[in-house]
């Protein structure tokens, strides 16, 4: 289906434009550390409009609290 990759493609655009391009990493270790830090912020701190302006980890944890 044509819509299968929309979510991951949007994620790749976001990480490239918010982290990789502005950072201009000079090596693999630096890139790995920078991207790891970005991913932490993306999942724990960055508010996502599709999640009612909550970070993904809080939504994920809330899902399991409700299911229990």
Protein backbone atom coordinates (compact mmCIF):
# COMPACT_ATOMS: atom_id res chain seq x y z
CA UNK A 1 0.00 0.00 0.00
CA UNK A 2 1.19 3.50 -0.75
CA UNK A 3 0.88 4.72 2.85
CA UNK A 4 2.98 2.04 4.54
CA UNK A 5 6.12 4.13 4.89
CA UNK A 6 4.66 7.57 5.62
CA UNK A 7 5.35 7.46 9.36
CA UNK A 8 8.96 6.26 9.10
CA UNK A 9 9.70 8.60 6.19
CA UNK A 10 8.44 11.52 8.26
CA UNK A 11 10.62 10.40 11.17
CA UNK A 12 13.72 10.26 8.91
CA UNK A 13 12.95 13.75 7.61
CA UNK A 14 12.59 15.04 11.17
CA UNK A 15 15.83 13.54 12.49
CA UNK A 16 17.78 14.76 9.45
CA UNK A 17 16.45 18.32 9.59
CA UNK A 18 16.46 18.72 13.39
CA UNK A 19 19.69 16.89 14.21
CA UNK A 20 21.92 15.47 11.50
CA UNK A 21 22.14 18.38 9.03
CA UNK A 22 22.53 21.15 11.64
CA UNK A 23 25.11 19.17 13.62
CA UNK A 24 27.55 18.41 10.78
CA UNK A 25 29.10 15.48 12.63
CA UNK A 26 32.77 14.85 11.87
CA UNK A 27 32.94 11.16 12.78
CA UNK A 28 30.95 8.04 13.53
CA UNK A 29 31.42 8.20 17.32
CA UNK A 30 30.32 11.83 17.41
CA UNK A 31 27.32 11.10 15.20
CA UNK A 32 26.29 8.09 17.28
CA UNK A 33 26.47 10.08 20.53
CA UNK A 34 24.59 13.03 19.02
CA UNK A 35 21.87 10.87 17.51
CA UNK A 36 21.52 8.90 20.76
CA UNK A 37 21.02 12.17 22.65
CA UNK A 38 18.50 13.34 20.05
CA UNK A 39 16.57 10.06 20.28
CA UNK A 40 16.39 10.41 24.06
CA UNK A 41 14.93 13.91 23.73
CA UNK A 42 12.64 12.82 20.88
CA UNK A 43 11.10 10.02 22.94
CA UNK A 44 11.18 11.56 26.42
CA UNK A 45 10.87 15.33 26.05
CA UNK A 46 9.73 16.38 22.57
CA UNK A 47 6.00 17.02 22.40
CA UNK A 48 4.20 15.37 19.49
CA UNK A 49 1.02 16.91 18.13
CA UNK A 50 -0.30 13.51 17.06
CA UNK A 51 -0.04 12.38 20.70
CA UNK A 52 -1.99 15.36 22.06
CA UNK A 53 1.27 17.23 22.75
CA UNK A 54 2.77 14.54 24.96
CA UNK A 55 6.13 12.80 24.56
CA UNK A 56 5.95 9.23 23.20
CA UNK A 57 7.34 7.54 26.31
CA UNK A 58 4.65 9.02 28.57
CA UNK A 59 1.94 7.84 26.16
CA UNK A 60 3.54 4.39 26.00
CA UNK A 61 3.74 4.10 29.79
CA UNK A 62 0.17 5.38 30.15
CA UNK A 63 -1.08 2.71 27.78
CA UNK A 64 0.30 -0.05 29.98
CA UNK A 65 -1.02 1.56 33.17
CA UNK A 66 -4.52 1.58 31.68
CA UNK A 67 -4.18 -2.01 30.46
CA UNK A 68 -3.18 -3.32 33.89
